[in-house]
């Protein structure tokens, strides 16, 4: 068996480590957060003077890709990016529907009755998981079960 010698000089290793920790706005791992306000403005830049690109509802999940002061650049389920103030975000387990006409059921079973149907892009708080099923709650209080293939 052949091994490759991958030695790095001590100075180079220190430089790599320090550049990682000192990089401005660096996010070390993808952090998934959710909107905790009833409505949040997704902005073009990290400030209230920046244009509002679109709005999202409570429980809308996002992934943080960059931090600049109290502002987070985030991406959503469609890989669209925008900026949100950190006061609008929290660690709430949530999902968003990714298919049109997704059925939300009374029980975690495809044969159970349909409580309601939702379009693509509707966010929900996660209450419980049972196999491939997720018990969800909308901001308006509606609760039901959805299959995990229908959400992000």
C-alpha atoms as a PDB file:
ATOM      1  CA  UNK A   1       0.000   0.000   0.000  1.00  0.00           C
ATOM      2  CA  UNK A   2       1.333   3.419  -0.914  1.00  0.00           C
ATOM      3  CA  UNK A   3       1.016   6.386   1.442  1.00  0.00           C
ATOM      4  CA  UNK A   4       1.310  10.020   0.465  1.00  0.00           C
ATOM      5  CA  UNK A   5       3.278  12.291   2.742  1.00  0.00           C
ATOM      6  CA  UNK A   6       1.047  15.300   3.373  1.00  0.00           C
ATOM      7  CA  UNK A   7       3.166  17.311   5.783  1.00  0.00           C
ATOM      8  CA  UNK A   8       2.481  20.980   6.182  1.00  0.00           C
ATOM      9  CA  UNK A   9       4.998  23.336   7.723  1.00  0.00           C
ATOM     10  CA  UNK A  10       4.202  24.477  11.246  1.00  0.00           C
ATOM     11  CA  UNK A  11       3.994  28.096  10.098  1.00  0.00           C
ATOM     12  CA  UNK A  12       1.571  27.243   7.299  1.00  0.00           C
ATOM     13  CA  UNK A  13      -0.654  25.228   9.661  1.00  0.00           C
ATOM     14  CA  UNK A  14      -0.820  28.136  12.129  1.00  0.00           C
ATOM     15  CA  UNK A  15      -1.662  30.545   9.294  1.00  0.00           C
ATOM     16  CA  UNK A  16      -4.500  28.294   8.067  1.00  0.00           C
ATOM     17  CA  UNK A  17      -5.964  27.943  11.565  1.00  0.00           C
ATOM     18  CA  UNK A  18      -5.788  31.675  12.324  1.00  0.00           C
ATOM     19  CA  UNK A  19      -7.259  32.687   8.963  1.00  0.00           C
ATOM     20  CA  UNK A  20     -10.219  30.396   9.653  1.00  0.00           C
ATOM     21  CA  UNK A  21     -10.923  31.934  13.067  1.00  0.00           C
ATOM     22  CA  UNK A  22     -10.241  35.530  12.063  1.00  0.00           C
ATOM     23  CA  UNK A  23     -12.165  35.607   8.785  1.00  0.00           C
ATOM     24  CA  UNK A  24     -14.833  38.310   9.124  1.00  0.00           C
ATOM     25  CA  UNK A  25     -18.376  37.000   8.941  1.00  0.00           C
ATOM     26  CA  UNK A  26     -17.240  33.396   8.730  1.00  0.00           C
ATOM     27  CA  UNK A  27     -19.803  30.781   9.657  1.00  0.00           C
ATOM     28  CA  UNK A  28     -18.126  27.562  10.755  1.00  0.00           C
ATOM     29  CA  UNK A  29     -21.070  25.210  10.267  1.00  0.00           C
ATOM     30  CA  UNK A  30     -24.448  25.618   8.681  1.00  0.00           C
ATOM     31  CA  UNK A  31     -26.761  26.859  11.405  1.00  0.00           C
ATOM     32  CA  UNK A  32     -30.464  26.340  10.778  1.00  0.00           C
ATOM     33  CA  UNK A  33     -32.746  28.898  12.425  1.00  0.00           C
ATOM     34  CA  UNK A  34     -36.372  29.960  12.050  1.00  0.00           C
ATOM     35  CA  UNK A  35     -38.191  33.261  11.867  1.00  0.00           C
ATOM     36  CA  UNK A  36     -39.768  33.958  15.270  1.00  0.00           C
ATOM     37  CA  UNK A  37     -41.661  37.164  14.417  1.00  0.00           C
ATOM     38  CA  UNK A  38     -45.060  37.020  12.715  1.00  0.00           C
ATOM     39  CA  UNK A  39     -43.608  38.555   9.518  1.00  0.00           C
ATOM     40  CA  UNK A  40     -39.975  39.227   8.605  1.00  0.00           C
ATOM     41  CA  UNK A  41     -38.528  41.384   5.836  1.00  0.00           C
ATOM     42  CA  UNK A  42     -35.887  39.620   3.747  1.00  0.00           C
ATOM     43  CA  UNK A  43     -33.469  42.404   2.786  1.00  0.00           C
ATOM     44  CA  UNK A  44     -30.875  42.969   0.059  1.00  0.00           C
ATOM     45  CA  UNK A  45     -28.216  43.944   2.598  1.00  0.00           C
ATOM     46  CA  UNK A  46     -27.423  44.059   6.324  1.00  0.00           C
ATOM     47  CA  UNK A  47     -29.411  47.157   7.307  1.00  0.00           C
ATOM     48  CA  UNK A  48     -32.901  48.605   7.586  1.00  0.00           C
ATOM     49  CA  UNK A  49     -32.045  51.027   4.764  1.00  0.00           C
ATOM     50  CA  UNK A  50     -31.541  48.078   2.390  1.00  0.00           C
ATOM     51  CA  UNK A  51     -34.421  47.086   0.103  1.00  0.00           C
ATOM     52  CA  UNK A  52     -37.018  44.531   1.187  1.00  0.00           C
ATOM     53  CA  UNK A  53     -36.809  41.688  -1.345  1.00  0.00           C
ATOM     54  CA  UNK A  54     -39.711  39.632   0.037  1.00  0.00           C
ATOM     55  CA  UNK A  55     -41.402  38.756   3.315  1.00  0.00           C
ATOM     56  CA  UNK A  56     -41.731  35.454   5.172  1.00  0.00           C
ATOM     57  CA  UNK A  57     -44.019  34.153   7.917  1.00  0.00           C
ATOM     58  CA  UNK A  58     -43.287  32.898  11.403  1.00  0.00           C
ATOM     59  CA  UNK A  59     -41.486  29.509  11.511  1.00  0.00           C
ATOM     60  CA  UNK A  60     -39.904  30.007   8.070  1.00  0.00           C
ATOM     61  CA  UNK A  61     -36.633  28.003   8.262  1.00  0.00           C
ATOM     62  CA  UNK A  62     -33.342  29.408   6.966  1.00  0.00           C
ATOM     63  CA  UNK A  63     -29.670  28.488   6.985  1.00  0.00           C
ATOM     64  CA  UNK A  64     -27.152  31.115   8.090  1.00  0.00           C
ATOM     65  CA  UNK A  65     -24.395  31.603   5.504  1.00  0.00           C
ATOM     66  CA  UNK A  66     -22.763  34.782   6.828  1.00  0.00           C
ATOM     67  CA  UNK A  67     -22.875  37.072   9.863  1.00  0.00           C
ATOM     68  CA  UNK A  68     -22.205  40.799   9.866  1.00  0.00           C
ATOM     69  CA  UNK A  69     -22.776  42.362  13.283  1.00  0.00           C
ATOM     70  CA  UNK A  70     -26.424  41.756  14.245  1.00  0.00           C
ATOM     71  CA  UNK A  71     -27.368  40.794  10.672  1.00  0.00           C
ATOM     72  CA  UNK A  72     -27.407  37.311   9.195  1.00  0.00           C
ATOM     73  CA  UNK A  73     -27.218  36.493   5.516  1.00  0.00           C
ATOM     74  CA  UNK A  74     -29.439  33.446   5.095  1.00  0.00           C
ATOM     75  CA  UNK A  75     -30.558  31.043   2.386  1.00  0.00           C
ATOM     76  CA  UNK A  76     -33.955  29.427   2.193  1.00  0.00           C
ATOM     77  CA  UNK A  77     -35.326  26.185   0.781  1.00  0.00           C
ATOM     78  CA  UNK A  78     -35.048  27.547  -2.766  1.00  0.00           C
ATOM     79  CA  UNK A  79     -31.421  28.648  -2.174  1.00  0.00           C
ATOM     80  CA  UNK A  80     -32.455  32.306  -2.374  1.00  0.00           C
ATOM     81  CA  UNK A  81     -30.345  34.540  -0.132  1.00  0.00           C
ATOM     82  CA  UNK A  82     -31.221  37.659   1.830  1.00  0.00           C
ATOM     83  CA  UNK A  83     -30.382  39.416   5.095  1.00  0.00           C
ATOM     84  CA  UNK A  84     -32.329  39.224   8.379  1.00  0.00           C
ATOM     85  CA  UNK A  85     -31.697  40.942  11.706  1.00  0.00           C
ATOM     86  CA  UNK A  86     -30.777  38.355  14.337  1.00  0.00           C
ATOM     87  CA  UNK A  87     -33.621  39.500  16.620  1.00  0.00           C
ATOM     88  CA  UNK A  88     -36.067  37.993  14.099  1.00  0.00           C
ATOM     89  CA  UNK A  89     -34.507  34.521  14.307  1.00  0.00           C
ATOM     90  CA  UNK A  90     -34.528  31.727  16.885  1.00  0.00           C
ATOM     91  CA  UNK A  91     -33.706  28.056  17.351  1.00  0.00           C
ATOM     92  CA  UNK A  92     -37.182  26.683  16.625  1.00  0.00           C
ATOM     93  CA  UNK A  93     -37.405  23.337  14.833  1.00  0.00           C
ATOM     94  CA  UNK A  94     -39.433  24.096  11.717  1.00  0.00           C
ATOM     95  CA  UNK A  95     -40.112  23.017   8.149  1.00  0.00           C
ATOM     96  CA  UNK A  96     -41.516  24.555   4.977  1.00  0.00           C
ATOM     97  CA  UNK A  97     -43.561  22.789   2.309  1.00  0.00           C
ATOM     98  CA  UNK A  98     -41.750  22.199  -0.977  1.00  0.00           C
ATOM     99  CA  UNK A  99     -44.613  20.783  -3.072  1.00  0.00           C
ATOM    100  CA  UNK A 100     -47.890  22.306  -4.221  1.00  0.00           C
ATOM    101  CA  UNK A 101     -51.042  20.841  -2.703  1.00  0.00           C
ATOM    102  CA  UNK A 102     -49.373  19.040   0.219  1.00  0.00           C
ATOM    103  CA  UNK A 103     -51.848  17.129   2.369  1.00  0.00           C
ATOM    104  CA  UNK A 104     -51.700  17.571   6.125  1.00  0.00           C
ATOM    105  CA  UNK A 105     -53.335  14.584   7.799  1.00  0.00           C
ATOM    106  CA  UNK A 106     -55.053  13.785  11.086  1.00  0.00           C
ATOM    107  CA  UNK A 107     -52.632  10.938  11.925  1.00  0.00           C
ATOM    108  CA  UNK A 108     -49.128   9.863  10.797  1.00  0.00           C
ATOM    109  CA  UNK A 109     -50.565   7.573   8.128  1.00  0.00           C
ATOM    110  CA  UNK A 110     -51.254   8.072   4.397  1.00  0.00           C
ATOM    111  CA  UNK A 111     -54.699   6.487   4.888  1.00  0.00           C
ATOM    112  CA  UNK A 112     -55.793   8.934   7.595  1.00  0.00           C
ATOM    113  CA  UNK A 113     -58.144  11.799   6.820  1.00  0.00           C
ATOM    114  CA  UNK A 114     -56.838  15.013   5.279  1.00  0.00           C
ATOM    115  CA  UNK A 115     -57.223  17.932   7.717  1.00  0.00           C
ATOM    116  CA  UNK A 116     -56.102  20.589   5.239  1.00  0.00           C
ATOM    117  CA  UNK A 117     -53.997  21.091   2.101  1.00  0.00           C
ATOM    118  CA  UNK A 118     -51.240  23.688   1.708  1.00  0.00           C
ATOM    119  CA  UNK A 119     -49.277  25.163  -1.166  1.00  0.00           C
ATOM    120  CA  UNK A 120     -45.520  25.308  -1.585  1.00  0.00           C
ATOM    121  CA  UNK A 121     -43.703  27.679   0.768  1.00  0.00           C
ATOM    122  CA  UNK A 122     -45.861  27.411   3.900  1.00  0.00           C
ATOM    123  CA  UNK A 123     -43.794  27.223   7.116  1.00  0.00           C
ATOM    124  CA  UNK A 124     -44.650  25.137  10.186  1.00  0.00           C
ATOM    125  CA  UNK A 125     -43.243  24.540  13.655  1.00  0.00           C
ATOM    126  CA  UNK A 126     -42.264  20.899  14.270  1.00  0.00           C
ATOM    127  CA  UNK A 127     -44.025  19.387  17.299  1.00  0.00           C
ATOM    128  CA  UNK A 128     -43.105  15.716  16.990  1.00  0.00           C
ATOM    129  CA  UNK A 129     -41.605  13.146  14.613  1.00  0.00           C
ATOM    130  CA  UNK A 130     -42.784   9.582  14.082  1.00  0.00           C
ATOM    131  CA  UNK A 131     -40.876   7.648  11.419  1.00  0.00           C
ATOM    132  CA  UNK A 132     -41.182   9.574   8.130  1.00  0.00           C
ATOM    133  CA  UNK A 133     -44.056  11.684   9.536  1.00  0.00           C
ATOM    134  CA  UNK A 134     -43.807  15.105  11.180  1.00  0.00           C
ATOM    135  CA  UNK A 135     -46.447  16.630  13.435  1.00  0.00           C
ATOM    136  CA  UNK A 136     -46.591  20.305  12.513  1.00  0.00           C
ATOM    137  CA  UNK A 137     -48.277  23.489  13.686  1.00  0.00           C
ATOM    138  CA  UNK A 138     -48.906  26.597  11.614  1.00  0.00           C
ATOM    139  CA  UNK A 139     -48.641  30.055  13.190  1.00  0.00           C
ATOM    140  CA  UNK A 140     -52.461  30.289  13.062  1.00  0.00           C
ATOM    141  CA  UNK A 141     -52.718  27.209  15.304  1.00  0.00           C
ATOM    142  CA  UNK A 142     -53.639  24.521  12.739  1.00  0.00           C
ATOM    143  CA  UNK A 143     -52.010  21.173  13.623  1.00  0.00           C
ATOM    144  CA  UNK A 144     -51.575  17.964  11.635  1.00  0.00           C
ATOM    145  CA  UNK A 145     -49.166  15.396  10.242  1.00  0.00           C
ATOM    146  CA  UNK A 146     -47.143  15.724   7.020  1.00  0.00           C
ATOM    147  CA  UNK A 147     -44.809  13.279   5.309  1.00  0.00           C
ATOM    148  CA  UNK A 148     -41.143  14.305   5.410  1.00  0.00           C
ATOM    149  CA  UNK A 149     -40.832  14.139   1.592  1.00  0.00           C
ATOM    150  CA  UNK A 150     -43.128  17.164   1.326  1.00  0.00           C
ATOM    151  CA  UNK A 151     -41.001  19.532   3.435  1.00  0.00           C
ATOM    152  CA  UNK A 152     -37.502  21.071   3.764  1.00  0.00           C
END
